[in-house]
C-alpha atoms as a PDB file:
ATOM      1  CA  MET A   1      99.532  85.087  65.538  1.00  0.00           C
ATOM      2  CA  PHE A   2     102.352  82.329  66.449  1.00  0.00           C
ATOM      3  CA  ALA A   3      99.649  80.686  68.664  1.00  0.00           C
ATOM      4  CA  GLY A   4      97.345  80.945  66.009  1.00  0.00           C
ATOM      5  CA  ILE A   5      99.031  79.574  63.155  1.00  0.00           C
ATOM      6  CA  THR A   6      99.804  76.858  65.383  1.00  0.00           C
ATOM      7  CA  ALA A   7      96.151  76.341  66.006  1.00  0.00           C
ATOM      8  CA  ALA A   8      95.655  76.912  62.715  1.00  0.00           C
ATOM      9  CA  PHE A   9      97.390  73.794  61.523  1.00  0.00           C
ATOM     10  CA  SER A  10      95.345  71.780  63.898  1.00  0.00           C
ATOM     11  CA  ALA A  11      92.709  73.030  63.056  1.00  0.00           C
ATOM     12  CA  PHE A  12      92.927  72.249  58.990  1.00  0.00           C
ATOM     13  CA  SER A  13      94.064  67.875  59.883  1.00  0.00           C
ATOM     14  CA  TYR A  14      90.711  68.413  62.322  1.00  0.00           C
ATOM     15  CA  MET A  15      88.656  70.099  59.582  1.00  0.00           C
ATOM     16  CA  GLU A  16      89.731  66.778  56.893  1.00  0.00           C
ATOM     17  CA  LEU A  17      89.158  64.448  59.595  1.00  0.00           C
ATOM     18  CA  SER A  18      85.675  65.554  60.520  1.00  0.00           C
ATOM     19  CA  SER A  19      84.303  65.629  56.979  1.00  0.00           C
ATOM     20  CA  MET A  20      85.807  62.255  56.919  1.00  0.00           C
ATOM     21  CA  TYR A  21      83.696  60.567  59.835  1.00  0.00           C
ATOM     22  CA  PRO A  22      81.485  62.951  61.841  1.00  0.00           C
ATOM     23  CA  ARG A  23      81.256  60.813  64.656  1.00  0.00           C
ATOM     24  CA  ALA A  24      80.729  62.047  68.525  1.00  0.00           C
ATOM     25  CA  GLY A  25      83.895  59.826  69.526  1.00  0.00           C
ATOM     26  CA  ALA A  26      85.821  62.493  67.229  1.00  0.00           C
ATOM     27  CA  GLU A  27      89.902  61.988  68.159  1.00  0.00           C
ATOM     28  CA  TYR A  28      88.682  58.760  69.432  1.00  0.00           C
ATOM     29  CA  GLU A  29      87.238  57.562  66.150  1.00  0.00           C
ATOM     30  CA  PHE A  30      89.883  58.746  63.669  1.00  0.00           C
ATOM     31  CA  VAL A  31      92.686  57.374  65.811  1.00  0.00           C
ATOM     32  CA  LYS A  32      90.586  54.071  66.146  1.00  0.00           C
ATOM     33  CA  ARG A  33      90.274  53.401  62.363  1.00  0.00           C
ATOM     34  CA  ALA A  34      93.858  53.916  61.430  1.00  0.00           C
ATOM     35  CA  PHE A  35      95.525  52.453  64.483  1.00  0.00           C
ATOM     36  CA  GLY A  36      93.094  49.831  66.144  1.00  0.00           C
ATOM     37  CA  GLU A  37      91.532  49.536  69.425  1.00  0.00           C
ATOM     38  CA  ARG A  38      94.545  50.491  71.889  1.00  0.00           C
ATOM     39  CA  VAL A  39      96.095  52.957  70.168  1.00  0.00           C
ATOM     40  CA  GLY A  40      92.044  54.841  69.967  1.00  0.00           C
ATOM     41  CA  LEU A  41      91.394  54.186  73.333  1.00  0.00           C
ATOM     42  CA  PHE A  42      94.710  55.571  74.515  1.00  0.00           C
ATOM     43  CA  VAL A  43      93.779  58.865  72.604  1.00  0.00           C
ATOM     44  CA  GLY A  44      90.421  59.047  73.612  1.00  0.00           C
ATOM     45  CA  LEU A  45      91.604  59.021  77.421  1.00  0.00           C
ATOM     46  CA  LEU A  46      94.162  61.719  76.999  1.00  0.00           C
ATOM     47  CA  VAL A  47      91.261  63.677  75.357  1.00  0.00           C
ATOM     48  CA  VAL A  48      88.619  62.763  77.993  1.00  0.00           C
ATOM     49  CA  TYR A  49      91.480  63.714  80.986  1.00  0.00           C
ATOM     50  CA  PHE A  50      92.246  67.164  78.919  1.00  0.00           C
ATOM     51  CA  VAL A  51      88.304  68.018  78.956  1.00  0.00           C
ATOM     52  CA  ILE A  52      88.447  67.328  82.578  1.00  0.00           C
ATOM     53  CA  ILE A  53      91.635  69.221  83.567  1.00  0.00           C
ATOM     54  CA  THR A  54      90.253  72.371  81.601  1.00  0.00           C
ATOM     55  CA  SER A  55      86.650  72.249  83.108  1.00  0.00           C
ATOM     56  CA  SER A  56      88.654  72.394  86.103  1.00  0.00           C
ATOM     57  CA  ALA A  57      91.007  75.111  85.508  1.00  0.00           C
ATOM     58  CA  VAL A  58      88.290  77.428  83.725  1.00  0.00           C
ATOM     59  CA  ALA A  59      85.833  76.506  86.851  1.00  0.00           C
ATOM     60  CA  ILE A  60      88.721  77.552  89.029  1.00  0.00           C
ATOM     61  CA  GLY A  61      88.607  80.789  87.314  1.00  0.00           C
ATOM     62  CA  PHE A  62      84.773  81.414  87.544  1.00  0.00           C
ATOM     63  CA  GLY A  63      84.836  80.608  91.029  1.00  0.00           C
ATOM     64  CA  ARG A  64      87.344  83.184  91.881  1.00  0.00           C
ATOM     65  CA  TYR A  65      85.260  85.769  89.635  1.00  0.00           C
ATOM     66  CA  PHE A  66      82.183  85.294  91.350  1.00  0.00           C
ATOM     67  CA  SER A  67      83.683  85.538  94.856  1.00  0.00           C
ATOM     68  CA  ASN A  68      84.924  88.645  94.112  1.00  0.00           C
ATOM     69  CA  LEU A  69      81.803  90.160  92.859  1.00  0.00           C
ATOM     70  CA  PHE A  70      79.275  88.193  95.458  1.00  0.00           C
ATOM     71  CA  GLY A  71      81.645  86.941  98.241  1.00  0.00           C
ATOM     72  CA  GLY A  72      81.811  83.055  99.048  1.00  0.00           C
ATOM     73  CA  GLU A  73      84.324  80.289  98.784  1.00  0.00           C
ATOM     74  CA  SER A  74      85.394  79.890  95.220  1.00  0.00           C
ATOM     75  CA  LEU A  75      85.878  75.708  95.203  1.00  0.00           C
ATOM     76  CA  ILE A  76      82.306  75.808  96.294  1.00  0.00           C
ATOM     77  CA  VAL A  77      81.189  78.390  93.605  1.00  0.00           C
ATOM     78  CA  ALA A  78      83.213  76.091  90.874  1.00  0.00           C
ATOM     79  CA  VAL A  79      81.517  72.824  92.107  1.00  0.00           C
ATOM     80  CA  GLY A  80      78.173  74.701  91.623  1.00  0.00           C
ATOM     81  CA  LEU A  81      79.198  75.725  88.245  1.00  0.00           C
ATOM     82  CA  PHE A  82      79.299  72.037  87.089  1.00  0.00           C
ATOM     83  CA  ILE A  83      76.060  71.287  88.737  1.00  0.00           C
ATOM     84  CA  VAL A  84      74.358  74.399  86.627  1.00  0.00           C
ATOM     85  CA  LEU A  85      75.802  73.401  83.583  1.00  0.00           C
ATOM     86  CA  SER A  86      75.133  69.441  83.900  1.00  0.00           C
ATOM     87  CA  LEU A  87      71.593  70.482  84.261  1.00  0.00           C
ATOM     88  CA  ILE A  88      71.784  72.792  80.786  1.00  0.00           C
ATOM     89  CA  MET A  89      73.384  70.045  79.390  1.00  0.00           C
ATOM     90  CA  VAL A  90      71.196  67.158  79.931  1.00  0.00           C
ATOM     91  CA  TYR A  91      68.050  69.426  79.326  1.00  0.00           C
ATOM     92  CA  GLY A  92      69.245  69.743  75.626  1.00  0.00           C
ATOM     93  CA  VAL A  93      71.984  70.589  73.498  1.00  0.00           C
ATOM     94  CA  LYS A  94      69.895  73.283  71.323  1.00  0.00           C
ATOM     95  CA  GLU A  95      69.037  74.917  74.667  1.00  0.00           C
ATOM     96  CA  SER A  96      72.771  74.380  75.692  1.00  0.00           C
ATOM     97  CA  ALA A  97      74.027  76.253  72.403  1.00  0.00           C
ATOM     98  CA  ARG A  98      71.336  78.784  72.637  1.00  0.00           C
ATOM     99  CA  VAL A  99      73.506  79.895  76.378  1.00  0.00           C
ATOM    100  CA  ALA A 100      76.540  79.792  75.005  1.00  0.00           C
ATOM    101  CA  ILE A 101      75.750  82.515  72.104  1.00  0.00           C
ATOM    102  CA  LEU A 102      74.204  84.810  74.412  1.00  0.00           C
ATOM    103  CA  ILE A 103      77.150  84.344  76.776  1.00  0.00           C
ATOM    104  CA  THR A 104      79.427  84.218  73.440  1.00  0.00           C
ATOM    105  CA  LEU A 105      77.801  88.256  72.829  1.00  0.00           C
ATOM    106  CA  ILE A 106      78.567  89.047  76.219  1.00  0.00           C
ATOM    107  CA  GLU A 107      81.878  87.946  75.875  1.00  0.00           C
ATOM    108  CA  PHE A 108      82.254  89.355  72.654  1.00  0.00           C
ATOM    109  CA  SER A 109      81.408  93.018  74.332  1.00  0.00           C
ATOM    110  CA  GLY A 110      84.028  92.858  76.524  1.00  0.00           C
ATOM    111  CA  LEU A 111      86.228  92.459  73.631  1.00  0.00           C
ATOM    112  CA  LEU A 112      84.617  95.401  71.456  1.00  0.00           C
ATOM    113  CA  ILE A 113      85.135  97.512  74.772  1.00  0.00           C
ATOM    114  CA  VAL A 114      88.884  97.078  74.978  1.00  0.00           C
ATOM    115  CA  MET A 115      89.256  97.301  71.114  1.00  0.00           C
ATOM    116  CA  TYR A 116      86.689 100.968  71.623  1.00  0.00           C
ATOM    117  CA  VAL A 117      89.333 102.149  74.533  1.00  0.00           C
ATOM    118  CA  GLY A 118      92.234 101.541  72.253  1.00  0.00           C
ATOM    119  CA  LEU A 119      91.545 102.910  68.973  1.00  0.00           C
ATOM    120  CA  PRO A 120      92.677 106.659  69.718  1.00  0.00           C
ATOM    121  CA  TYR A 121      96.133 104.992  70.964  1.00  0.00           C
ATOM    122  CA  LEU A 122      96.745 103.145  67.593  1.00  0.00           C
ATOM    123  CA  GLY A 123      99.894 104.485  65.991  1.00  0.00           C
ATOM    124  CA  THR A 124     101.647 105.276  69.023  1.00  0.00           C
ATOM    125  CA  VAL A 125     104.022 102.404  70.159  1.00  0.00           C
ATOM    126  CA  ASN A 126     106.449 100.433  68.077  1.00  0.00           C
ATOM    127  CA  TYR A 127     104.421  96.821  67.499  1.00  0.00           C
ATOM    128  CA  LEU A 128     107.428  95.266  66.815  1.00  0.00           C
ATOM    129  CA  GLU A 129     109.429  96.494  69.781  1.00  0.00           C
ATOM    130  CA  ALA A 130     110.402  93.470  72.402  1.00  0.00           C
ATOM    131  CA  PRO A 131     113.246  92.365  74.642  1.00  0.00           C
ATOM    132  CA  ASP A 132     114.167  89.033  72.538  1.00  0.00           C
ATOM    133  CA  LEU A 133     112.268  86.621  71.020  1.00  0.00           C
ATOM    134  CA  ALA A 134     112.106  84.465  74.113  1.00  0.00           C
ATOM    135  CA  GLY A 135     109.315  86.366  75.493  1.00  0.00           C
ATOM    136  CA  VAL A 136     107.212  86.159  72.114  1.00  0.00           C
ATOM    137  CA  PHE A 137     107.187  82.538  72.207  1.00  0.00           C
ATOM    138  CA  GLU A 138     106.886  82.246  76.109  1.00  0.00           C
ATOM    139  CA  ALA A 139     103.789  83.798  75.757  1.00  0.00           C
ATOM    140  CA  SER A 140     102.890  81.975  73.079  1.00  0.00           C
ATOM    141  CA  ALA A 141     102.563  78.709  74.756  1.00  0.00           C
ATOM    142  CA  LEU A 142     100.656  80.005  77.295  1.00  0.00           C
ATOM    143  CA  ILE A 143      98.012  81.868  75.104  1.00  0.00           C
ATOM    144  CA  ILE A 144      97.589  78.661  72.835  1.00  0.00           C
ATOM    145  CA  PHE A 145      95.382  77.710  75.809  1.00  0.00           C
ATOM    146  CA  ALA A 146      92.895  80.224  74.730  1.00  0.00           C
ATOM    147  CA  PHE A 147      92.702  78.905  71.062  1.00  0.00           C
ATOM    148  CA  LEU A 148      91.641  75.366  71.866  1.00  0.00           C
ATOM    149  CA  GLY A 149      88.135  74.770  72.060  1.00  0.00           C
ATOM    150  CA  PHE A 150      87.531  74.637  68.024  1.00  0.00           C
ATOM    151  CA  GLU A 151      88.026  71.188  68.211  1.00  0.00           C
ATOM    152  CA  ASP A 152      84.256  70.505  70.327  1.00  0.00           C
ATOM    153  CA  ILE A 153      82.972  71.731  67.327  1.00  0.00           C
ATOM    154  CA  VAL A 154      83.868  68.411  65.719  1.00  0.00           C
ATOM    155  CA  ARG A 155      82.664  66.395  68.714  1.00  0.00           C
ATOM    156  CA  LEU A 156      79.470  67.573  68.246  1.00  0.00           C
ATOM    157  CA  SER A 157      79.591  66.739  64.394  1.00  0.00           C
ATOM    158  CA  GLN A 158      76.942  63.528  65.047  1.00  0.00           C
ATOM    159  CA  GLU A 159      74.321  66.034  66.175  1.00  0.00           C
ATOM    160  CA  THR A 160      74.776  68.315  63.443  1.00  0.00           C
ATOM    161  CA  LYS A 161      72.510  68.552  59.745  1.00  0.00           C
ATOM    162  CA  ASP A 162      75.141  68.021  56.827  1.00  0.00           C
ATOM    163  CA  ALA A 163      78.521  67.833  59.123  1.00  0.00           C
ATOM    164  CA  GLU A 164      80.883  66.338  56.151  1.00  0.00           C
ATOM    165  CA  LYS A 165      80.113  70.086  55.034  1.00  0.00           C
ATOM    166  CA  ALA A 166      79.017  72.207  57.910  1.00  0.00           C
ATOM    167  CA  THR A 167      81.571  70.730  60.422  1.00  0.00           C
ATOM    168  CA  PRO A 168      85.211  72.192  58.426  1.00  0.00           C
ATOM    169  CA  ARG A 169      82.664  74.943  57.706  1.00  0.00           C
ATOM    170  CA  ALA A 170      82.722  75.930  60.630  1.00  0.00           C
ATOM    171  CA  LEU A 171      86.111  75.240  62.229  1.00  0.00           C
ATOM    172  CA  LEU A 172      87.296  77.371  59.256  1.00  0.00           C
ATOM    173  CA  ILE A 173      84.991  80.130  60.601  1.00  0.00           C
ATOM    174  CA  ALA A 174      85.867  79.722  64.188  1.00  0.00           C
ATOM    175  CA  ILE A 175      89.601  79.975  64.284  1.00  0.00           C
ATOM    176  CA  SER A 176      89.688  82.811  61.452  1.00  0.00           C
ATOM    177  CA  VAL A 177      87.501  84.941  63.654  1.00  0.00           C
ATOM    178  CA  THR A 178      89.404  83.939  66.668  1.00  0.00           C
ATOM    179  CA  VAL A 179      92.690  85.192  65.688  1.00  0.00           C
ATOM    180  CA  PHE A 180      91.689  88.318  64.237  1.00  0.00           C
ATOM    181  CA  LEU A 181      89.546  89.428  67.267  1.00  0.00           C
ATOM    182  CA  TYR A 182      93.182  88.486  69.610  1.00  0.00           C
ATOM    183  CA  ILE A 183      95.119  90.175  67.713  1.00  0.00           C
ATOM    184  CA  CYS A 184      93.031  93.586  67.297  1.00  0.00           C
ATOM    185  CA  VAL A 185      92.620  93.019  71.323  1.00  0.00           C
ATOM    186  CA  ALA A 186      96.727  92.552  71.565  1.00  0.00           C
ATOM    187  CA  ILE A 187      96.974  95.266  69.586  1.00  0.00           C
ATOM    188  CA  SER A 188      94.814  97.845  71.095  1.00  0.00           C
ATOM    189  CA  ALA A 189      96.336  96.788  74.674  1.00  0.00           C
ATOM    190  CA  VAL A 190     100.084  97.345  74.052  1.00  0.00           C
ATOM    191  CA  SER A 191      98.685 100.576  72.474  1.00  0.00           C
ATOM    192  CA  VAL A 192      97.261 101.626  75.150  1.00  0.00           C
ATOM    193  CA  LEU A 193      99.405 100.824  78.126  1.00  0.00           C
ATOM    194  CA  ASP A 194     103.420  99.644  77.877  1.00  0.00           C
ATOM    195  CA  PHE A 195     103.970  95.969  77.019  1.00  0.00           C
ATOM    196  CA  GLN A 196     106.031  95.482  80.057  1.00  0.00           C
ATOM    197  CA  ALA A 197     103.512  96.827  82.358  1.00  0.00           C
ATOM    198  CA  LEU A 198     101.031  94.452  81.076  1.00  0.00           C
ATOM    199  CA  GLY A 199     102.999  92.122  81.586  1.00  0.00           C
ATOM    200  CA  VAL A 200     103.148  91.754  85.264  1.00  0.00           C
ATOM    201  CA  SER A 201      99.833  92.903  86.049  1.00  0.00           C
ATOM    202  CA  GLU A 202      97.107  90.417  87.090  1.00  0.00           C
ATOM    203  CA  VAL A 203      94.529  92.243  85.335  1.00  0.00           C
ATOM    204  CA  PRO A 204      95.906  93.573  82.234  1.00  0.00           C
ATOM    205  CA  LEU A 205      92.286  93.979  80.174  1.00  0.00           C
ATOM    206  CA  ALA A 206      90.914  95.467  82.881  1.00  0.00           C
ATOM    207  CA  ASP A 207      93.936  98.003  83.303  1.00  0.00           C
ATOM    208  CA  VAL A 208      93.561  98.801  79.669  1.00  0.00           C
ATOM    209  CA  VAL A 209      89.797  99.726  79.894  1.00  0.00           C
ATOM    210  CA  ALA A 210      90.385 101.533  83.546  1.00  0.00           C
ATOM    211  CA  VAL A 211      92.078 104.496  81.370  1.00  0.00           C
ATOM    212  CA  ALA A 212      88.852 105.630  79.991  1.00  0.00           C
ATOM    213  CA  PHE A 213      86.209 104.397  82.335  1.00  0.00           C
ATOM    214  CA  GLY A 214      88.191 104.579  86.119  1.00  0.00           C
ATOM    215  CA  ASN A 215      87.834 102.467  88.398  1.00  0.00           C
ATOM    216  CA  ASP A 216      84.057 101.089  87.380  1.00  0.00           C
ATOM    217  CA  ALA A 217      86.681  98.993  84.491  1.00  0.00           C
ATOM    218  CA  PHE A 218      87.479  96.204  86.793  1.00  0.00           C
ATOM    219  CA  ILE A 219      84.018  95.508  88.151  1.00  0.00           C
ATOM    220  CA  LEU A 220      82.676  95.600  84.348  1.00  0.00           C
ATOM    221  CA  MET A 221      85.557  93.043  83.378  1.00  0.00           C
ATOM    222  CA  SER A 222      85.339  91.318  86.148  1.00  0.00           C
ATOM    223  CA  TRP A 223      81.400  90.241  85.201  1.00  0.00           C
ATOM    224  CA  ILE A 224      82.711  89.467  81.285  1.00  0.00           C
ATOM    225  CA  ALA A 225      85.213  87.518  82.604  1.00  0.00           C
ATOM    226  CA  MET A 226      83.600  85.286  84.853  1.00  0.00           C
ATOM    227  CA  PHE A 227      80.652  84.500  82.069  1.00  0.00           C
ATOM    228  CA  SER A 228      83.684  84.016  80.069  1.00  0.00           C
ATOM    229  CA  THR A 229      85.042  81.109  81.738  1.00  0.00           C
ATOM    230  CA  MET A 230      81.477  80.133  82.741  1.00  0.00           C
ATOM    231  CA  ASN A 231      81.311  79.988  78.677  1.00  0.00           C
ATOM    232  CA  THR A 232      84.364  77.951  78.192  1.00  0.00           C
ATOM    233  CA  VAL A 233      83.273  75.397  81.112  1.00  0.00           C
ATOM    234  CA  LEU A 234      79.940  74.688  79.115  1.00  0.00           C
ATOM    235  CA  VAL A 235      81.380  74.145  75.589  1.00  0.00           C
ATOM    236  CA  VAL A 236      84.355  72.093  76.935  1.00  0.00           C
ATOM    237  CA  MET A 237      82.345  69.849  78.680  1.00  0.00           C
ATOM    238  CA  LEU A 238      79.048  69.590  75.850  1.00  0.00           C
ATOM    239  CA  GLY A 239      82.333  68.216  73.950  1.00  0.00           C
ATOM    240  CA  GLY A 240      83.760  65.824  76.317  1.00  0.00           C
ATOM    241  CA  SER A 241      80.574  64.571  77.222  1.00  0.00           C
ATOM    242  CA  ARG A 242      80.104  63.383  73.505  1.00  0.00           C
ATOM    243  CA  ILE A 243      83.843  61.865  73.319  1.00  0.00           C
ATOM    244  CA  VAL A 244      82.590  60.167  76.951  1.00  0.00           C
ATOM    245  CA  TYR A 245      79.454  58.787  75.065  1.00  0.00           C
ATOM    246  CA  GLY A 246      81.047  57.959  71.660  1.00  0.00           C
ATOM    247  CA  MET A 247      83.305  55.913  73.544  1.00  0.00           C
ATOM    248  CA  ALA A 248      80.948  54.182  75.538  1.00  0.00           C
ATOM    249  CA  ASP A 249      78.711  53.353  72.394  1.00  0.00           C
ATOM    250  CA  SER A 250      81.897  51.781  71.247  1.00  0.00           C
ATOM    251  CA  GLY A 251      82.347  49.427  73.929  1.00  0.00           C
ATOM    252  CA  SER A 252      85.649  51.189  75.129  1.00  0.00           C
ATOM    253  CA  LEU A 253      84.400  52.733  78.319  1.00  0.00           C
ATOM    254  CA  PRO A 254      81.195  51.397  80.402  1.00  0.00           C
ATOM    255  CA  LYS A 255      77.794  50.628  78.960  1.00  0.00           C
ATOM    256  CA  PHE A 256      76.220  52.362  81.176  1.00  0.00           C
ATOM    257  CA  LEU A 257      78.259  56.159  80.041  1.00  0.00           C
ATOM    258  CA  SER A 258      76.326  56.024  76.914  1.00  0.00           C
ATOM    259  CA  ARG A 259      72.883  55.948  77.962  1.00  0.00           C
ATOM    260  CA  VAL A 260      70.710  58.770  76.373  1.00  0.00           C
ATOM    261  CA  HIS A 261      68.201  60.202  78.682  1.00  0.00           C
ATOM    262  CA  PRO A 262      64.626  59.151  77.579  1.00  0.00           C
ATOM    263  CA  ARG A 263      62.598  62.229  76.770  1.00  0.00           C
ATOM    264  CA  PHE A 264      65.984  65.079  75.817  1.00  0.00           C
ATOM    265  CA  GLN A 265      67.743  62.759  74.179  1.00  0.00           C
ATOM    266  CA  THR A 266      71.011  63.721  75.291  1.00  0.00           C
ATOM    267  CA  PRO A 267      73.863  61.389  76.964  1.00  0.00           C
ATOM    268  CA  TRP A 268      73.359  62.183  80.625  1.00  0.00           C
ATOM    269  CA  THR A 269      75.610  59.792  82.443  1.00  0.00           C
ATOM    270  CA  ALA A 270      78.457  60.954  80.183  1.00  0.00           C
ATOM    271  CA  ILE A 271      77.420  64.143  81.126  1.00  0.00           C
ATOM    272  CA  PHE A 272      77.085  63.954  85.333  1.00  0.00           C
ATOM    273  CA  GLY A 273      80.429  61.812  84.681  1.00  0.00           C
ATOM    274  CA  ILE A 274      82.500  64.351  83.308  1.00  0.00           C
ATOM    275  CA  ALA A 275      80.870  67.073  85.919  1.00  0.00           C
ATOM    276  CA  LEU A 276      81.934  64.608  88.862  1.00  0.00           C
ATOM    277  CA  VAL A 277      85.611  63.718  88.213  1.00  0.00           C
ATOM    278  CA  SER A 278      85.680  67.781  86.978  1.00  0.00           C
ATOM    279  CA  SER A 279      84.629  68.458  90.490  1.00  0.00           C
ATOM    280  CA  ILE A 280      87.219  66.486  91.875  1.00  0.00           C
ATOM    281  CA  PHE A 281      90.201  68.039  90.181  1.00  0.00           C
ATOM    282  CA  VAL A 282      89.027  71.662  91.063  1.00  0.00           C
ATOM    283  CA  LEU A 283      90.685  71.160  94.383  1.00  0.00           C
ATOM    284  CA  ILE A 284      94.014  71.420  92.770  1.00  0.00           C
ATOM    285  CA  GLY A 285      93.298  74.648  93.270  1.00  0.00           C
ATOM    286  CA  ASP A 286      96.248  76.042  90.568  1.00  0.00           C
ATOM    287  CA  ILE A 287      95.344  77.085  87.491  1.00  0.00           C
ATOM    288  CA  ILE A 288      98.502  77.740  86.086  1.00  0.00           C
ATOM    289  CA  VAL A 289      99.696  73.745  86.647  1.00  0.00           C
ATOM    290  CA  VAL A 290      96.475  72.745  85.611  1.00  0.00           C
ATOM    291  CA  ALA A 291      96.592  74.697  81.760  1.00  0.00           C
ATOM    292  CA  ASN A 292      99.970  73.242  81.434  1.00  0.00           C
ATOM    293  CA  ILE A 293      99.062  69.782  82.157  1.00  0.00           C
ATOM    294  CA  ALA A 294      96.418  70.548  80.024  1.00  0.00           C
ATOM    295  CA  ASN A 295      98.188  72.162  77.136  1.00  0.00           C
ATOM    296  CA  PHE A 296     100.428  69.053  77.124  1.00  0.00           C
ATOM    297  CA  MET A 297      97.861  66.957  76.767  1.00  0.00           C
ATOM    298  CA  ILE A 298      96.055  68.706  74.271  1.00  0.00           C
ATOM    299  CA  PHE A 299      99.191  68.423  72.167  1.00  0.00           C
ATOM    300  CA  LEU A 300      99.795  64.986  72.129  1.00  0.00           C
ATOM    301  CA  VAL A 301      96.026  64.615  70.634  1.00  0.00           C
ATOM    302  CA  PHE A 302      97.410  66.948  68.259  1.00  0.00           C
ATOM    303  CA  PHE A 303     100.000  65.421  67.228  1.00  0.00           C
ATOM    304  CA  TYR A 304      98.080  61.971  66.225  1.00  0.00           C
ATOM    305  CA  GLY A 305      95.575  63.942  64.270  1.00  0.00           C
ATOM    306  CA  GLN A 306      98.483  65.534  62.023  1.00  0.00           C
ATOM    307  CA  TYR A 307     100.218  61.934  62.026  1.00  0.00           C
ATOM    308  CA  LEU A 308      97.048  60.724  61.118  1.00  0.00           C
ATOM    309  CA  LEU A 309      96.665  62.503  57.706  1.00  0.00           C
ATOM    310  CA  ASP A 310     100.947  62.611  57.309  1.00  0.00           C
ATOM    311  CA  LYS A 311     101.372  58.475  57.630  1.00  0.00           C
ATOM    312  CA  ALA A 312      98.017  56.466  58.152  1.00  0.00           C
ATOM    313  CA  PRO A 313      97.536  54.315  55.087  1.00  0.00           C
ATOM    314  CA  LEU A 314      93.880  54.265  55.991  1.00  0.00           C
ATOM    315  CA  TYR A 315      93.567  58.310  54.862  1.00  0.00           C
ATOM    316  CA  ARG A 316      96.610  58.735  52.567  1.00  0.00           C
ATOM    317  CA  SER A 317      94.457  55.857  50.625  1.00  0.00           C
ATOM    318  CA  ARG A 318      91.214  57.686  50.289  1.00  0.00           C
ATOM    319  CA  LYS A 319      91.413  59.093  47.285  1.00  0.00           C
ATOM    320  CA  LYS A 320      88.299  62.516  47.853  1.00  0.00           C
ATOM    321  CA  THR A 321      87.101  63.907  50.839  1.00  0.00           C
ATOM    322  CA  PRO A 322      84.454  66.947  51.116  1.00  0.00           C
ATOM    323  CA  PHE A 323      87.377  68.923  52.663  1.00  0.00           C
ATOM    324  CA  GLN A 324      91.520  68.912  51.977  1.00  0.00           C
ATOM    325  CA  ASN A 325      93.757  69.562  54.472  1.00  0.00           C
ATOM    326  CA  PRO A 326      96.463  71.518  52.643  1.00  0.00           C
ATOM    327  CA  PHE A 327      99.049  70.666  55.038  1.00  0.00           C
ATOM    328  CA  LYS A 328      99.359  67.436  54.594  1.00  0.00           C
ATOM    329  CA  HIS A 329     101.515  65.030  52.669  1.00  0.00           C
ATOM    330  CA  ARG A 330     105.072  66.871  54.602  1.00  0.00           C
ATOM    331  CA  LYS A 331     108.301  65.582  55.238  1.00  0.00           C
ATOM    332  CA  PHE A 332     107.480  66.383  58.778  1.00  0.00           C
ATOM    333  CA  ALA A 333     104.517  66.767  61.249  1.00  0.00           C
ATOM    334  CA  THR A 334     103.324  70.509  60.990  1.00  0.00           C
ATOM    335  CA  VAL A 335     101.307  70.756  64.632  1.00  0.00           C
ATOM    336  CA  PRO A 336     104.479  68.910  66.315  1.00  0.00           C
ATOM    337  CA  PHE A 337     106.855  70.946  64.568  1.00  0.00           C
ATOM    338  CA  SER A 338     105.833  74.312  65.333  1.00  0.00           C
ATOM    339  CA  TRP A 339     104.489  73.460  68.734  1.00  0.00           C
ATOM    340  CA  SER A 340     107.980  72.322  69.771  1.00  0.00           C
ATOM    341  CA  ILE A 341     109.530  75.445  68.451  1.00  0.00           C
ATOM    342  CA  ILE A 342     106.771  77.530  70.499  1.00  0.00           C
ATOM    343  CA  ARG A 343     108.328  75.019  73.536  1.00  0.00           C
ATOM    344  CA  CYS A 344     111.646  75.246  73.354  1.00  0.00           C
ATOM    345  CA  PHE A 345     110.861  79.059  74.679  1.00  0.00           C
ATOM    346  CA  SER A 346     108.070  78.627  77.013  1.00  0.00           C
ATOM    347  CA  SER A 347     108.051  78.538  81.101  1.00  0.00           C
ATOM    348  CA  PHE A 348     106.667  75.194  81.360  1.00  0.00           C
ATOM    349  CA  PRO A 349     109.938  73.608  82.365  1.00  0.00           C
ATOM    350  CA  ASP A 350     109.946  76.182  85.278  1.00  0.00           C
ATOM    351  CA  GLN A 351     106.883  73.951  86.388  1.00  0.00           C
ATOM    352  CA  PRO A 352     107.256  71.237  88.852  1.00  0.00           C
ATOM    353  CA  GLY A 353     108.394  68.158  86.903  1.00  0.00           C
ATOM    354  CA  GLY A 354     108.083  70.251  84.074  1.00  0.00           C
ATOM    355  CA  HIS A 355     111.429  69.392  82.313  1.00  0.00           C
ATOM    356  CA  GLY A 356     110.689  66.071  81.263  1.00  0.00           C
ATOM    357  CA  LEU A 357     107.629  66.642  79.918  1.00  0.00           C
ATOM    358  CA  TRP A 358     109.210  69.808  77.928  1.00  0.00           C
ATOM    359  CA  PHE A 359     111.938  67.619  76.575  1.00  0.00           C
ATOM    360  CA  PHE A 360     109.727  64.805  75.732  1.00  0.00           C
ATOM    361  CA  SER A 361     107.357  67.745  73.681  1.00  0.00           C
ATOM    362  CA  LEU A 362     110.028  68.513  71.153  1.00  0.00           C
END
């Protein structure tokens, strides 16, 4: 819930900004209009870096699931995933969206299974039981990674009909449904198994489903998790390629990255560029470190998004927008404040070099 609230604050900022400037450059475009080209370039590069790191981290997870089911080298499988998804994205944005919807339905079925298994156990435990709040905030700092992705909707707004109204509406629906589903899954999981047992499990949801389905649950959940990671990489790369295209089209990145395929009308050079660099980052091979780096980078981007609505004269002076962020015009930026509270109790300082980044996030 804490992670969902933090993500929601950022989502509200994105809703208003996207209703004002529905462009492929998204964060780059927003910041550039308020603070100029240099700051816009800085934020745009942070987003591109976040996209690459996130794609790499999740592709590593896909490779491991695939290797467990079929064998093979996980890193080679991860690189192969980038190639296949790049070809789909170049073929068309509608086709990419259809693939994403199909895989989302598969993911949703996995969550429904967990909730179904937990139904007979609801109300059998104390849901407010916890050793201390530090564990709650530590878990929130990690789970925030699962909420990231709503911003990709904004990056596709230039290819959306009636984007000024449709994009904020889509963001609101996405964050609301996601928070609701995650809360339901969390309640179901701790109802079936003790939260301490779940905390030390490498496959917690599979352990929950195993209560009802036995050892077959591990194979079932591995399949669902494999499709889930595939979908995440697809959506992140789809949005990231539009950021690269928007920056290149504005002249901030090399012009060849703004080339559009003559037949499919997709930014093919930006797509393959993201795939190539992400494949290189796969060699890091450590999901925890990669995920923490990505979390910190997106925090900086969210900070600028909220700051624009709190402080920037360009946006303050605008009299009317299709969507108004209800949390702007406060004495402190809501996103950095709530994120800093979570970071106080996170495990990020335990990572190499984490102390400096943790201090900076405060």
